[in-house]
Amino acid sequence: MDTVDLLLHPVRLRVVHAFAGGRSLTTAELGERLPDVPKTTLYRHVGLLADAGLLEVTGEQRVHGAVERTYRLDRARTRISPQDAAAMTPDDHRHGFAAAMAALLADFNAYLDRPDADPTTDSVGYVQVPLWLSREELDTMIEQVRGALLATADNTPGPGRRLYLLSPILFPIDRP
């Protein structure tokens, strides 16, 4: 299974999100972060990601007679290359978008189901903004957004930090 096929699945996308910020997690800890995903499903997807090298084993310990592994995400392997994206068919993009939306909806519902969920305090937002842009303006905006994201993409967990999920979506809504 190639990286595109691995990442274009809602559960695997959520697993990748859970490891953000350089986190190392056991499958039990991952299950606590994704309580709505059945354990057998979670173990199967972790196995697929580990077999493909997207998750690396950083430790092992015996727990109740079984070996419990600790995993860390290999971030460099979790990106779909521009070449792979260019090779995707419209149906591949449709499938990828559906997987991303399913993962986004599941993560949002899991957040809202938590007893401490407070969308106002947590600065939750979802907005769509149609913009009229020339190709040059679009390229400039993409570069600015990319720069803003990259400035904090390597942050690790620390005091006062919470993990937020930002999902920018951009596509033309009219014909040229």
Protein backbone atom coordinates (compact mmCIF):
# COMPACT_ATOMS: atom_id res chain seq x y z
CA MET A 1 0.00 0.00 0.00
CA ASP A 2 1.49 3.36 -0.96
CA THR A 3 1.48 6.52 1.15
CA VAL A 4 -1.49 8.01 -0.69
CA ASP A 5 -3.65 4.93 -0.06
CA LEU A 6 -2.49 4.74 3.56
CA LEU A 7 -3.27 8.36 4.34
CA LEU A 8 -6.57 8.60 2.50
CA HIS A 9 -8.48 6.71 5.18
CA PRO A 10 -10.40 8.49 7.98
CA VAL A 11 -9.15 6.32 10.86
CA ARG A 12 -5.53 6.40 9.70
CA LEU A 13 -5.73 10.19 9.30
CA ARG A 14 -6.95 10.45 12.88
CA VAL A 15 -4.10 8.21 14.06
CA VAL A 16 -1.61 10.47 12.26
CA HIS A 17 -3.21 13.55 13.90
CA ALA A 18 -2.95 11.93 17.35
CA PHE A 19 0.84 11.62 16.97
CA ALA A 20 1.27 15.30 16.05
CA GLY A 21 3.93 17.35 17.77
CA GLY A 22 6.43 14.53 18.10
CA ARG A 23 4.29 12.52 20.50
CA SER A 24 5.22 8.95 21.34
CA LEU A 25 2.20 6.82 22.23
CA THR A 26 1.37 3.22 23.00
CA THR A 27 -1.68 1.73 21.32
CA ALA A 28 -3.44 1.92 24.70
CA GLU A 29 -2.73 5.65 24.94
CA LEU A 30 -3.81 6.08 21.33
CA GLY A 31 -7.05 4.27 22.17
CA GLU A 32 -7.67 6.78 24.99
CA ARG A 33 -7.31 9.62 22.47
CA LEU A 34 -9.63 7.90 19.96
CA PRO A 35 -12.21 6.26 22.24
CA ASP A 36 -14.81 6.00 19.45
CA VAL A 37 -12.55 3.73 17.33
CA PRO A 38 -12.93 0.02 18.21
CA LYS A 39 -9.67 -1.46 19.55
CA THR A 40 -9.43 -4.12 16.86
CA THR A 41 -9.85 -1.46 14.16
CA LEU A 42 -7.25 0.76 15.82
CA TYR A 43 -4.71 -2.08 16.14
CA ARG A 44 -5.23 -3.04 12.48
CA HIS A 45 -4.61 0.53 11.27
CA VAL A 46 -1.61 1.03 13.56
CA GLY A 47 -0.19 -2.21 12.15
CA LEU A 48 -0.64 -1.00 8.58
CA LEU A 49 1.02 2.35 9.35
CA ALA A 50 3.89 0.65 11.20
CA ASP A 51 4.43 -1.95 8.45
CA ALA A 52 4.67 0.88 5.92
CA GLY A 53 7.17 2.79 8.08
CA LEU A 54 4.90 5.76 8.84
CA LEU A 55 4.95 4.78 12.51
CA GLU A 56 8.25 3.73 14.06
CA VAL A 57 8.59 1.64 17.21
CA THR A 58 10.49 3.63 19.83
CA GLY A 59 10.12 1.19 22.72
CA GLU A 60 8.71 -2.10 23.91
CA GLN A 61 7.73 -3.35 27.35
CA ARG A 62 5.91 -6.38 28.74
CA VAL A 63 2.45 -5.63 30.10
CA HIS A 64 0.33 -8.50 31.45
CA GLY A 65 2.30 -11.03 29.39
CA ALA A 66 2.00 -9.11 26.11
CA VAL A 67 4.47 -6.78 24.43
CA GLU A 68 3.29 -3.19 24.38
CA ARG A 69 4.98 -1.01 21.78
CA THR A 70 5.44 2.71 21.84
CA TYR A 71 5.23 4.41 18.46
CA ARG A 72 6.27 7.74 16.99
CA LEU A 73 5.23 9.22 13.67
CA ASP A 74 7.79 9.58 10.90
CA ARG A 75 6.47 12.98 9.73
CA ALA A 76 8.56 12.99 6.58
CA ARG A 77 6.70 9.89 5.36
CA THR A 78 3.21 11.24 6.10
CA ARG A 79 3.16 13.82 3.36
CA ILE A 80 1.74 13.22 -0.07
CA SER A 81 4.37 14.49 -2.48
CA PRO A 82 3.47 17.04 -5.16
CA GLN A 83 4.26 14.33 -7.74
CA ASP A 84 1.89 11.84 -6.09
CA ALA A 85 -0.82 14.50 -5.81
CA ALA A 86 -0.39 15.39 -9.49
CA ALA A 87 -0.77 11.71 -10.41
CA MET A 88 -4.07 11.39 -8.55
CA THR A 89 -7.21 11.08 -10.65
CA PRO A 90 -10.33 13.16 -9.95
CA ASP A 91 -11.80 10.07 -8.26
CA ASP A 92 -8.66 9.74 -6.10
CA HIS A 93 -9.12 13.37 -5.03
CA ARG A 94 -12.82 12.77 -4.37
CA HIS A 95 -11.92 9.76 -2.20
CA GLY A 96 -9.18 11.70 -0.41
CA PHE A 97 -11.45 14.64 0.31
CA ALA A 98 -14.18 12.32 1.63
CA ALA A 99 -11.65 10.59 3.90
CA ALA A 100 -10.38 13.94 5.18
CA MET A 101 -13.93 15.17 5.85
CA ALA A 102 -14.87 11.92 7.60
CA ALA A 103 -11.77 12.19 9.82
CA LEU A 104 -12.48 15.87 10.49
CA LEU A 105 -16.10 15.16 11.43
CA ALA A 106 -15.10 12.26 13.70
CA ASP A 107 -12.44 14.38 15.45
CA PHE A 108 -14.90 17.27 15.88
CA ASN A 109 -17.61 14.99 17.28
CA ALA A 110 -15.07 13.40 19.66
CA TYR A 111 -14.15 16.91 20.85
CA LEU A 112 -17.80 17.92 21.37
CA ASP A 113 -18.50 14.66 23.24
CA ARG A 114 -15.84 15.44 25.85
CA PRO A 115 -17.25 16.75 29.14
CA ASP A 116 -14.82 19.70 29.10
CA ALA A 117 -15.65 20.81 25.54
CA ASP A 118 -16.16 24.58 25.37
CA PRO A 119 -16.14 25.80 21.76
CA THR A 120 -16.16 29.48 22.75
CA THR A 121 -13.28 29.26 25.22
CA ASP A 122 -11.35 26.96 22.89
CA SER A 123 -11.68 29.43 19.98
CA VAL A 124 -13.36 26.83 17.77
CA GLY A 125 -14.13 28.20 14.34
CA TYR A 126 -15.43 27.01 11.03
CA VAL A 127 -15.93 29.45 8.26
CA GLN A 128 -15.93 29.46 4.50
CA VAL A 129 -14.80 32.61 2.72
CA PRO A 130 -15.23 32.87 -1.06
CA LEU A 131 -12.37 34.98 -2.42
CA TRP A 132 -11.86 36.48 -5.86
CA LEU A 133 -8.15 35.97 -6.60
CA SER A 134 -5.87 36.16 -9.61
CA ARG A 135 -3.37 33.32 -10.00
CA GLU A 136 -0.66 35.61 -8.60
CA GLU A 137 -2.82 36.59 -5.61
CA LEU A 138 -3.65 32.93 -5.00
CA ASP A 139 0.03 31.93 -5.08
CA THR A 140 0.89 34.76 -2.66
CA MET A 141 -1.90 33.80 -0.26
CA ILE A 142 -0.91 30.12 -0.33
CA GLU A 143 2.71 31.05 0.43
CA GLN A 144 1.62 33.29 3.34
CA VAL A 145 -0.61 30.59 4.82
CA ARG A 146 2.11 27.97 4.34
CA GLY A 147 4.62 30.23 6.11
CA ALA A 148 2.25 30.81 9.03
CA LEU A 149 1.64 27.07 9.39
CA LEU A 150 5.29 26.08 9.10
CA ALA A 151 6.25 28.61 11.78
CA THR A 152 4.47 26.45 14.39
CA ALA A 153 4.33 23.01 12.74
CA ASP A 154 7.30 21.68 14.72
CA ASN A 155 6.01 22.78 18.12
CA THR A 156 6.07 19.97 20.67
CA PRO A 157 3.79 19.44 23.67
CA GLY A 158 4.61 21.79 26.52
CA PRO A 159 3.16 23.82 29.37
CA GLY A 160 0.25 25.96 28.21
CA ARG A 161 0.02 24.23 24.83
CA ARG A 162 -2.97 22.29 23.52
CA LEU A 163 -3.14 20.37 20.29
CA TYR A 164 -5.43 22.05 17.75
CA LEU A 165 -6.43 20.70 14.36
CA LEU A 166 -6.43 23.22 11.51
CA SER A 167 -7.86 22.02 8.21
CA PRO A 168 -7.53 24.61 5.47
CA ILE A 169 -9.53 23.65 2.40
CA LEU A 170 -9.05 25.48 -0.87
CA PHE A 171 -10.60 24.88 -4.27
CA PRO A 172 -12.16 26.97 -7.04
CA ILE A 173 -15.94 27.18 -6.98
CA ASP A 174 -16.50 28.57 -10.46
CA ARG A 175 -15.21 27.87 -13.93
CA PRO A 176 -12.42 29.93 -15.49
